[in-house]
Amino acid sequence: PGPDIQEPIVANGITIATSICYEIAFPDLVAKSAGNVNLLLTVSNDTWFGRSIGPQQHFQMARMRALENGKPLIRATNDGITALVNAKGKVVSTIPSYNRGTLEGYLTPFRGTTPFGKRGSIPILMISVILLLIAAWHSFRRPSFPD
């Protein structure tokens, strides 16, 4: 196995972070590789999902990575949803599952980092732990009855 974070690809002056197949489902992994790039690229073989809702879920995960990191995304699949997604998570162009075609659309390469890109899931996990502790404290606290 290689390193967790692969070196970005540079094409025509645009720096691209790559994810292969299900790597796009891991927010912190994508955030680590997306820091100093202009664009996200993911290639996938969604055949193993069959005719389930798996390809749609996988695509929604990819859209979320674009939104979290504020980077446009190119998603290429052999039988899932192929799409161009802008940095706000909006679908610019798409080819549905089990169809052939050519995508056309414009994506603006972006440089910079979002708060999620800088800190990942840590703030979300901290808030979750605090809320769980508050809930546990309230459930174990003895009610006080008036005299």
N, C-alpha and C. Protein backbone atom coordinates (compact mmCIF):
# COMPACT_ATOMS: atom_id res chain seq x y z
N PRO A 1 0.82 -1.20 0.00
CA PRO A 1 0.00 0.00 0.00
C PRO A 1 0.86 1.26 0.00
N GLY A 2 0.33 2.28 -0.60
CA GLY A 2 1.01 3.56 -0.64
C GLY A 2 0.60 4.43 0.53
N PRO A 3 1.03 5.68 0.50
CA PRO A 3 0.67 6.61 1.59
C PRO A 3 -0.82 6.92 1.59
N ASP A 4 -1.33 7.33 2.76
CA ASP A 4 -2.75 7.68 2.87
C ASP A 4 -3.11 8.83 1.94
N ILE A 5 -2.24 9.82 1.88
CA ILE A 5 -2.50 11.00 1.05
C ILE A 5 -1.61 10.92 -0.18
N GLN A 6 -2.23 10.82 -1.33
CA GLN A 6 -1.49 10.77 -2.59
C GLN A 6 -1.13 12.17 -3.05
N GLU A 7 -0.03 12.28 -3.76
CA GLU A 7 0.37 13.56 -4.32
C GLU A 7 -0.68 14.00 -5.34
N PRO A 8 -1.00 15.30 -5.38
CA PRO A 8 -1.97 15.77 -6.36
C PRO A 8 -1.42 15.70 -7.78
N ILE A 9 -2.33 15.66 -8.71
CA ILE A 9 -2.00 15.70 -10.13
C ILE A 9 -2.04 17.16 -10.56
N VAL A 10 -1.13 17.57 -11.43
CA VAL A 10 -1.18 18.93 -11.98
C VAL A 10 -1.40 18.79 -13.48
N ALA A 11 -2.49 19.38 -13.96
CA ALA A 11 -2.83 19.34 -15.38
C ALA A 11 -3.18 20.75 -15.85
N ASN A 12 -2.41 21.26 -16.79
CA ASN A 12 -2.66 22.59 -17.35
C ASN A 12 -2.70 23.66 -16.26
N GLY A 13 -1.84 23.52 -15.26
CA GLY A 13 -1.76 24.51 -14.19
C GLY A 13 -2.81 24.35 -13.10
N ILE A 14 -3.66 23.34 -13.20
CA ILE A 14 -4.71 23.08 -12.21
C ILE A 14 -4.28 21.89 -11.36
N THR A 15 -4.29 22.08 -10.05
CA THR A 15 -3.88 21.03 -9.11
C THR A 15 -5.12 20.24 -8.71
N ILE A 16 -5.02 18.91 -8.84
CA ILE A 16 -6.18 18.04 -8.67
C ILE A 16 -5.90 16.97 -7.61
N ALA A 17 -6.80 16.86 -6.63
CA ALA A 17 -6.73 15.77 -5.64
C ALA A 17 -7.58 14.61 -6.15
N THR A 18 -7.04 13.42 -6.09
CA THR A 18 -7.75 12.25 -6.62
C THR A 18 -8.24 11.34 -5.50
N SER A 19 -9.38 10.73 -5.74
CA SER A 19 -9.94 9.70 -4.86
C SER A 19 -10.39 8.56 -5.75
N ILE A 20 -10.10 7.36 -5.34
CA ILE A 20 -10.50 6.20 -6.12
C ILE A 20 -11.64 5.50 -5.40
N CYS A 21 -12.72 5.32 -6.14
CA CYS A 21 -13.90 4.59 -5.69
C CYS A 21 -14.41 5.10 -4.34
N TYR A 22 -14.40 4.24 -3.32
CA TYR A 22 -15.07 4.57 -2.06
C TYR A 22 -14.26 5.48 -1.15
N GLU A 23 -13.03 5.86 -1.56
CA GLU A 23 -12.25 6.81 -0.75
C GLU A 23 -13.01 8.13 -0.56
N ILE A 24 -13.86 8.48 -1.52
CA ILE A 24 -14.62 9.74 -1.46
C ILE A 24 -15.62 9.72 -0.31
N ALA A 25 -15.91 8.56 0.25
CA ALA A 25 -16.87 8.45 1.36
C ALA A 25 -16.27 8.86 2.70
N PHE A 26 -14.96 9.08 2.76
CA PHE A 26 -14.29 9.39 4.01
C PHE A 26 -13.93 10.88 4.07
N PRO A 27 -14.73 11.68 4.78
CA PRO A 27 -14.56 13.13 4.78
C PRO A 27 -13.17 13.61 5.19
N ASP A 28 -12.61 13.04 6.24
CA ASP A 28 -11.31 13.51 6.72
C ASP A 28 -10.19 13.15 5.75
N LEU A 29 -10.29 12.01 5.10
CA LEU A 29 -9.29 11.62 4.10
C LEU A 29 -9.29 12.60 2.93
N VAL A 30 -10.48 12.93 2.45
CA VAL A 30 -10.58 13.88 1.33
C VAL A 30 -10.12 15.27 1.78
N ALA A 31 -10.48 15.69 2.98
CA ALA A 31 -10.07 17.01 3.47
C ALA A 31 -8.55 17.15 3.54
N LYS A 32 -7.87 16.07 3.95
CA LYS A 32 -6.40 16.12 4.03
C LYS A 32 -5.78 16.31 2.65
N SER A 33 -6.35 15.68 1.64
CA SER A 33 -5.77 15.79 0.30
C SER A 33 -6.25 17.03 -0.45
N ALA A 34 -7.31 17.67 0.02
CA ALA A 34 -7.92 18.79 -0.71
C ALA A 34 -7.36 20.15 -0.34
N GLY A 35 -6.50 20.22 0.66
CA GLY A 35 -6.04 21.51 1.17
C GLY A 35 -5.50 22.48 0.16
N ASN A 36 -4.52 22.09 -0.64
CA ASN A 36 -3.87 23.02 -1.56
C ASN A 36 -4.14 22.69 -3.02
N VAL A 37 -5.31 22.17 -3.29
CA VAL A 37 -5.65 21.84 -4.68
C VAL A 37 -6.77 22.74 -5.18
N ASN A 38 -7.01 22.68 -6.49
CA ASN A 38 -8.05 23.49 -7.11
C ASN A 38 -9.31 22.70 -7.41
N LEU A 39 -9.20 21.37 -7.44
CA LEU A 39 -10.27 20.54 -7.97
C LEU A 39 -10.19 19.15 -7.34
N LEU A 40 -11.35 18.52 -7.16
CA LEU A 40 -11.40 17.13 -6.70
C LEU A 40 -11.79 16.25 -7.89
N LEU A 41 -11.18 15.09 -7.97
CA LEU A 41 -11.49 14.12 -9.02
C LEU A 41 -11.68 12.77 -8.37
N THR A 42 -12.77 12.10 -8.70
CA THR A 42 -12.97 10.74 -8.21
C THR A 42 -13.42 9.85 -9.36
N VAL A 43 -12.82 8.69 -9.43
CA VAL A 43 -13.21 7.68 -10.41
C VAL A 43 -13.73 6.48 -9.63
N SER A 44 -14.76 5.85 -10.17
CA SER A 44 -15.39 4.77 -9.41
C SER A 44 -16.02 3.73 -10.32
N ASN A 45 -16.07 2.52 -9.82
CA ASN A 45 -16.80 1.43 -10.44
C ASN A 45 -17.93 1.08 -9.48
N ASP A 46 -19.14 1.52 -9.79
CA ASP A 46 -20.28 1.29 -8.90
C ASP A 46 -21.06 0.02 -9.23
N THR A 47 -20.47 -0.87 -10.04
CA THR A 47 -21.14 -2.11 -10.43
C THR A 47 -21.56 -2.93 -9.22
N TRP A 48 -20.72 -2.97 -8.21
CA TRP A 48 -20.99 -3.82 -7.06
C TRP A 48 -22.23 -3.42 -6.29
N PHE A 49 -22.75 -2.19 -6.53
CA PHE A 49 -24.01 -1.77 -5.89
C PHE A 49 -25.22 -2.44 -6.54
N GLY A 50 -25.05 -2.93 -7.77
CA GLY A 50 -26.18 -3.49 -8.50
C GLY A 50 -27.21 -2.41 -8.81
N ARG A 51 -28.47 -2.80 -8.85
CA ARG A 51 -29.55 -1.85 -9.15
C ARG A 51 -30.18 -1.31 -7.87
N SER A 52 -29.36 -1.12 -6.85
CA SER A 52 -29.84 -0.58 -5.57
C SER A 52 -29.73 0.94 -5.57
N ILE A 53 -29.98 1.54 -4.41
CA ILE A 53 -29.82 3.00 -4.30
C ILE A 53 -28.36 3.37 -4.00
N GLY A 54 -27.48 2.36 -3.97
CA GLY A 54 -26.07 2.58 -3.68
C GLY A 54 -25.40 3.64 -4.55
N PRO A 55 -25.57 3.60 -5.89
CA PRO A 55 -24.93 4.63 -6.71
C PRO A 55 -25.38 6.05 -6.37
N GLN A 56 -26.66 6.23 -6.04
CA GLN A 56 -27.15 7.56 -5.66
C GLN A 56 -26.53 8.00 -4.34
N GLN A 57 -26.44 7.08 -3.38
CA GLN A 57 -25.84 7.41 -2.09
C GLN A 57 -24.36 7.75 -2.25
N HIS A 58 -23.66 6.97 -3.05
CA HIS A 58 -22.24 7.21 -3.31
C HIS A 58 -22.05 8.59 -3.96
N PHE A 59 -22.92 8.93 -4.88
CA PHE A 59 -22.86 10.24 -5.53
C PHE A 59 -23.12 11.37 -4.53
N GLN A 60 -24.09 11.18 -3.65
CA GLN A 60 -24.39 12.22 -2.65
C GLN A 60 -23.21 12.42 -1.70
N MET A 61 -22.51 11.34 -1.37
CA MET A 61 -21.31 11.47 -0.54
C MET A 61 -20.25 12.31 -1.26
N ALA A 62 -20.09 12.05 -2.56
CA ALA A 62 -19.11 12.81 -3.34
C ALA A 62 -19.49 14.29 -3.40
N ARG A 63 -20.77 14.57 -3.59
CA ARG A 63 -21.23 15.97 -3.59
C ARG A 63 -20.92 16.65 -2.27
N MET A 64 -21.11 15.92 -1.17
CA MET A 64 -20.84 16.49 0.15
C MET A 64 -19.36 16.82 0.31
N ARG A 65 -18.47 16.00 -0.24
CA ARG A 65 -17.04 16.30 -0.15
C ARG A 65 -16.71 17.59 -0.90
N ALA A 66 -17.37 17.84 -2.04
CA ALA A 66 -17.16 19.09 -2.77
C ALA A 66 -17.60 20.27 -1.91
N LEU A 67 -18.75 20.16 -1.28
CA LEU A 67 -19.28 21.23 -0.44
C LEU A 67 -18.41 21.46 0.80
N GLU A 68 -18.04 20.39 1.49
CA GLU A 68 -17.22 20.51 2.70
C GLU A 68 -15.90 21.22 2.43
N ASN A 69 -15.30 20.91 1.30
CA ASN A 69 -13.98 21.43 0.99
C ASN A 69 -13.99 22.66 0.09
N GLY A 70 -15.18 23.05 -0.37
CA GLY A 70 -15.28 24.23 -1.23
C GLY A 70 -14.52 24.06 -2.53
N LYS A 71 -14.51 22.84 -3.07
CA LYS A 71 -13.78 22.55 -4.30
C LYS A 71 -14.73 21.91 -5.30
N PRO A 72 -14.62 22.29 -6.57
CA PRO A 72 -15.42 21.61 -7.58
C PRO A 72 -14.96 20.15 -7.72
N LEU A 73 -15.87 19.32 -8.21
CA LEU A 73 -15.62 17.88 -8.28
C LEU A 73 -15.96 17.36 -9.67
N ILE A 74 -15.07 16.52 -10.18
CA ILE A 74 -15.36 15.74 -11.39
C ILE A 74 -15.49 14.30 -10.92
N ARG A 75 -16.62 13.68 -11.22
CA ARG A 75 -16.84 12.28 -10.82
C ARG A 75 -17.08 11.45 -12.08
N ALA A 76 -16.20 10.48 -12.31
CA ALA A 76 -16.30 9.62 -13.50
C ALA A 76 -16.53 8.19 -13.05
N THR A 77 -17.58 7.57 -13.59
CA THR A 77 -17.88 6.18 -13.25
C THR A 77 -18.15 5.39 -14.52
N ASN A 78 -18.00 4.07 -14.43
CA ASN A 78 -18.32 3.25 -15.58
C ASN A 78 -19.80 2.88 -15.61
N ASP A 79 -20.47 2.90 -14.47
CA ASP A 79 -21.89 2.55 -14.45
C ASP A 79 -22.66 3.20 -13.31
N GLY A 80 -22.05 4.16 -12.64
CA GLY A 80 -22.75 4.92 -11.61
C GLY A 80 -23.11 6.28 -12.17
N ILE A 81 -23.23 7.26 -11.32
CA ILE A 81 -23.57 8.61 -11.75
C ILE A 81 -22.27 9.37 -12.01
N THR A 82 -22.09 9.79 -13.26
CA THR A 82 -20.95 10.61 -13.65
C THR A 82 -21.42 12.05 -13.63
N ALA A 83 -20.60 12.95 -13.07
CA ALA A 83 -21.10 14.32 -12.90
C ALA A 83 -19.99 15.34 -12.73
N LEU A 84 -20.36 16.58 -12.99
CA LEU A 84 -19.58 17.75 -12.63
C LEU A 84 -20.35 18.44 -11.52
N VAL A 85 -19.67 18.73 -10.42
CA VAL A 85 -20.30 19.36 -9.25
C VAL A 85 -19.49 20.59 -8.89
N ASN A 86 -20.17 21.73 -8.68
CA ASN A 86 -19.42 22.94 -8.34
C ASN A 86 -19.01 22.94 -6.87
N ALA A 87 -18.29 23.97 -6.46
CA ALA A 87 -17.75 24.04 -5.10
C ALA A 87 -18.83 24.17 -4.03
N LYS A 88 -20.05 24.51 -4.43
CA LYS A 88 -21.15 24.61 -3.48
C LYS A 88 -22.00 23.34 -3.44
N GLY A 89 -21.55 22.29 -4.13
CA GLY A 89 -22.26 21.03 -4.13
C GLY A 89 -23.37 20.93 -5.16
N LYS A 90 -23.53 21.95 -6.00
CA LYS A 90 -24.59 21.94 -7.01
C LYS A 90 -24.12 21.16 -8.24
N VAL A 91 -25.01 20.30 -8.74
CA VAL A 91 -24.70 19.50 -9.92
C VAL A 91 -24.76 20.39 -11.16
N VAL A 92 -23.66 20.46 -11.89
CA VAL A 92 -23.56 21.28 -13.10
C VAL A 92 -23.99 20.46 -14.31
N SER A 93 -23.57 19.21 -14.35
CA SER A 93 -23.87 18.33 -15.48
C SER A 93 -23.80 16.90 -14.98
N THR A 94 -24.62 16.03 -15.54
CA THR A 94 -24.64 14.64 -15.07
C THR A 94 -24.99 13.66 -16.18
N ILE A 95 -24.49 12.46 -16.03
CA ILE A 95 -24.89 11.33 -16.86
C ILE A 95 -25.43 10.29 -15.87
N PRO A 96 -26.69 9.88 -16.02
CA PRO A 96 -27.28 8.93 -15.07
C PRO A 96 -26.59 7.56 -15.11
N SER A 97 -26.84 6.76 -14.10
CA SER A 97 -26.29 5.40 -14.05
C SER A 97 -26.67 4.62 -15.29
N TYR A 98 -25.77 3.74 -15.69
CA TYR A 98 -25.97 2.81 -16.80
C TYR A 98 -26.20 3.51 -18.14
N ASN A 99 -25.65 4.71 -18.30
CA ASN A 99 -25.75 5.44 -19.56
C ASN A 99 -24.36 5.88 -20.00
N ARG A 100 -24.19 5.99 -21.31
CA ARG A 100 -22.95 6.52 -21.87
C ARG A 100 -23.20 7.95 -22.27
N GLY A 101 -22.15 8.75 -22.26
CA GLY A 101 -22.31 10.12 -22.70
C GLY A 101 -21.07 10.94 -22.45
N THR A 102 -21.18 12.19 -22.80
CA THR A 102 -20.10 13.15 -22.60
C THR A 102 -20.63 14.28 -21.75
N LEU A 103 -19.89 14.62 -20.71
CA LEU A 103 -20.29 15.73 -19.86
C LEU A 103 -19.83 17.04 -20.47
N GLU A 104 -20.68 18.03 -20.36
CA GLU A 104 -20.30 19.38 -20.75
C GLU A 104 -20.70 20.31 -19.62
N GLY A 105 -19.81 21.20 -19.28
CA GLY A 105 -20.09 22.14 -18.21
C GLY A 105 -18.84 22.90 -17.85
N TYR A 106 -18.99 23.88 -17.00
CA TYR A 106 -17.86 24.71 -16.60
C TYR A 106 -17.73 24.67 -15.08
N LEU A 107 -16.53 24.39 -14.63
CA LEU A 107 -16.22 24.42 -13.20
C LEU A 107 -15.13 25.45 -12.97
N THR A 108 -15.26 26.23 -11.93
CA THR A 108 -14.25 27.22 -11.59
C THR A 108 -13.29 26.62 -10.58
N PRO A 109 -12.02 26.43 -10.97
CA PRO A 109 -11.05 25.91 -10.00
C PRO A 109 -10.94 26.87 -8.82
N PHE A 110 -10.80 26.33 -7.62
CA PHE A 110 -10.79 27.15 -6.42
C PHE A 110 -9.56 26.83 -5.59
N ARG A 111 -8.95 27.84 -5.02
CA ARG A 111 -7.82 27.63 -4.12
C ARG A 111 -8.19 28.23 -2.77
N GLY A 112 -7.91 27.53 -1.72
CA GLY A 112 -8.25 27.98 -0.38
C GLY A 112 -8.79 26.80 0.41
N THR A 113 -9.06 27.05 1.67
CA THR A 113 -9.52 25.98 2.55
C THR A 113 -10.74 26.44 3.34
N THR A 114 -11.69 25.56 3.49
CA THR A 114 -12.88 25.83 4.30
C THR A 114 -12.57 25.48 5.76
N PRO A 115 -13.42 25.90 6.70
CA PRO A 115 -13.22 25.48 8.10
C PRO A 115 -13.18 23.95 8.24
N PHE A 116 -14.05 23.25 7.50
CA PHE A 116 -14.03 21.79 7.56
C PHE A 116 -12.70 21.26 7.02
N GLY A 117 -12.21 21.87 5.96
CA GLY A 117 -10.94 21.44 5.40
C GLY A 117 -9.79 21.60 6.37
N LYS A 118 -9.85 22.61 7.21
CA LYS A 118 -8.78 22.86 8.19
C LYS A 118 -8.88 21.93 9.39
N ARG A 119 -10.09 21.71 9.88
CA ARG A 119 -10.26 20.98 11.14
C ARG A 119 -10.91 19.61 11.00
N GLY A 120 -11.49 19.33 9.84
CA GLY A 120 -12.12 18.03 9.64
C GLY A 120 -13.31 17.82 10.56
N SER A 121 -13.49 16.60 10.99
CA SER A 121 -14.65 16.21 11.80
C SER A 121 -14.47 16.50 13.29
N ILE A 122 -13.31 16.98 13.70
CA ILE A 122 -13.04 17.18 15.13
C ILE A 122 -14.08 18.07 15.82
N PRO A 123 -14.44 19.26 15.29
CA PRO A 123 -15.46 20.06 15.98
C PRO A 123 -16.81 19.35 16.09
N ILE A 124 -17.19 18.62 15.06
CA ILE A 124 -18.46 17.89 15.08
C ILE A 124 -18.42 16.81 16.15
N LEU A 125 -17.31 16.10 16.24
CA LEU A 125 -17.17 15.05 17.27
C LEU A 125 -17.18 15.65 18.67
N MET A 126 -16.51 16.78 18.86
CA MET A 126 -16.49 17.42 20.18
C MET A 126 -17.88 17.85 20.61
N ILE A 127 -18.63 18.46 19.70
CA ILE A 127 -20.00 18.88 20.02
C ILE A 127 -20.86 17.66 20.34
N SER A 128 -20.69 16.58 19.59
CA SER A 128 -21.46 15.35 19.84
C SER A 128 -21.17 14.79 21.23
N VAL A 129 -19.89 14.76 21.62
CA VAL A 129 -19.52 14.25 22.94
C VAL A 129 -20.12 15.13 24.04
N ILE A 130 -20.04 16.44 23.87
CA ILE A 130 -20.61 17.36 24.87
C ILE A 130 -22.11 17.14 25.00
N LEU A 131 -22.81 17.01 23.88
CA LEU A 131 -24.26 16.78 23.93
C LEU A 131 -24.59 15.44 24.59
N LEU A 132 -23.79 14.41 24.31
CA LEU A 132 -24.01 13.11 24.96
C LEU A 132 -23.79 13.20 26.47
N LEU A 133 -22.77 13.92 26.88
CA LEU A 133 -22.51 14.09 28.32
C LEU A 133 -23.65 14.85 29.00
N ILE A 134 -24.16 15.88 28.35
CA ILE A 134 -25.29 16.64 28.90
C ILE A 134 -26.52 15.73 29.01
N ALA A 135 -26.78 14.95 27.96
CA ALA A 135 -27.93 14.04 27.99
C ALA A 135 -27.77 12.99 29.09
N ALA A 136 -26.57 12.45 29.24
CA ALA A 136 -26.33 11.46 30.30
C ALA A 136 -26.50 12.08 31.67
N TRP A 137 -26.00 13.28 31.85
CA TRP A 137 -26.12 13.97 33.13
C TRP A 137 -27.59 14.19 33.48
N HIS A 138 -28.38 14.62 32.49
CA HIS A 138 -29.81 14.84 32.74
C HIS A 138 -30.56 13.54 33.03
N SER A 139 -30.18 12.45 32.38
CA SER A 139 -30.90 11.20 32.60
C SER A 139 -30.56 10.55 33.94
N PHE A 140 -29.35 10.78 34.46
CA PHE A 140 -28.95 10.19 35.73
C PHE A 140 -29.18 11.09 36.93
N ARG A 141 -29.51 12.32 36.67
CA ARG A 141 -29.74 13.27 37.76
C ARG A 141 -31.03 12.89 38.48
N ARG A 142 -30.99 12.94 39.78
CA ARG A 142 -32.20 12.61 40.55
C ARG A 142 -33.13 13.81 40.54
N PRO A 143 -34.38 13.55 40.27
CA PRO A 143 -35.32 14.68 40.30
C PRO A 143 -35.50 15.19 41.73
N SER A 144 -35.60 16.46 41.87
CA SER A 144 -35.85 17.04 43.20
C SER A 144 -37.34 17.28 43.34
N PHE A 145 -37.90 16.73 44.41
CA PHE A 145 -39.33 16.88 44.66
C PHE A 145 -39.53 17.97 45.70
N PRO A 146 -40.50 18.84 45.50
CA PRO A 146 -40.76 19.88 46.50
C PRO A 146 -41.32 19.24 47.78
N ASP A 147 -41.05 19.86 48.93
CA ASP A 147 -41.53 19.35 50.22
C ASP A 147 -43.00 19.54 50.38
